[in-house]
């Protein structure tokens, strides 16, 4: 949608980046679109009926860069071969593990916009490595993760990919499981040496995502506790979890007791586009400037398409 992407995590919920703001709210979203901007090849359209921004979102540092859209109608999720799950584990991914990031943004920094959905494989980089002085110099918080090849560059997400997923792909019971480990958030340029892409770390807010979509957005997801099935086993009435092993396609992970979100409905920031245009200096107290391409002058920018 517009200059951002997202991930369908339930039939009626899209997870994306808070800095995308009003790119989503009240607008039509194409789900499952391979060709950019068209509803062919099985793509489905729906409206973002309700927008919730992470209450911890920091629009300057881009901590907790998460937001949710409740769709005006559920869409079909084909999970016959691929399952998407939220990652709740801070230990995932492991150092140098390959991840896959996807989107329909620029093909290179300052280049053309993709016409189809693209993906690229990039290795996970520990925060200690990403925070080296010649890289982001302390600007990467525990709520972020980095992925790319800082020594060579060449592969990365880019402007227009913001909000889209970076995933860990594994096999389980003959099916491909995509663990949603991060949201495309920001970076200095695209695919530059020493500057890998920066993502919001899903595990840090997976509980908030689950709680909000169940209790505040009233999702029809099987992960939500009120979707449990009453079953009489002949001796007493009991509650049966439809996914007793916490399978990832329901995003429950054995966490059925959601608590109401005490925070009010999240709102976009006061930027006219509901998103910041420039990202924080990797030095914690630095100020952003108006470098339009986020070149490595130690100032960064988001990966939404202006």
Foldseek 3Di string as FASTA:
>chain_A
DALEDWDDLFQFKTKFFQQQFPVAAQDKDWAPFFFPPDCPPPIDIWHQDAKFQDPPQDQALRARGMMMGGTPDGDDDDQPAEFEFEDQDLCPPPFFAKKKFKFQQAPFQVHDTHRGIDMDIWGWHDPVLQCPPLALVQSADSQKTFTHAQAQFDDAAAASHGTTFIWHWDDDPNHIYTHGQWTFWKWQFHRYRRITTMTGGRNVCLLVVLLCCCAVVVGPQLLELVVWDWDDPPPDIDTDRPCVCCDRNRNNNVPHDHDHDPDPGHHQDPDPSSHDFWHYQSPVPGHADPPNRNHPPRTMGTRGHD
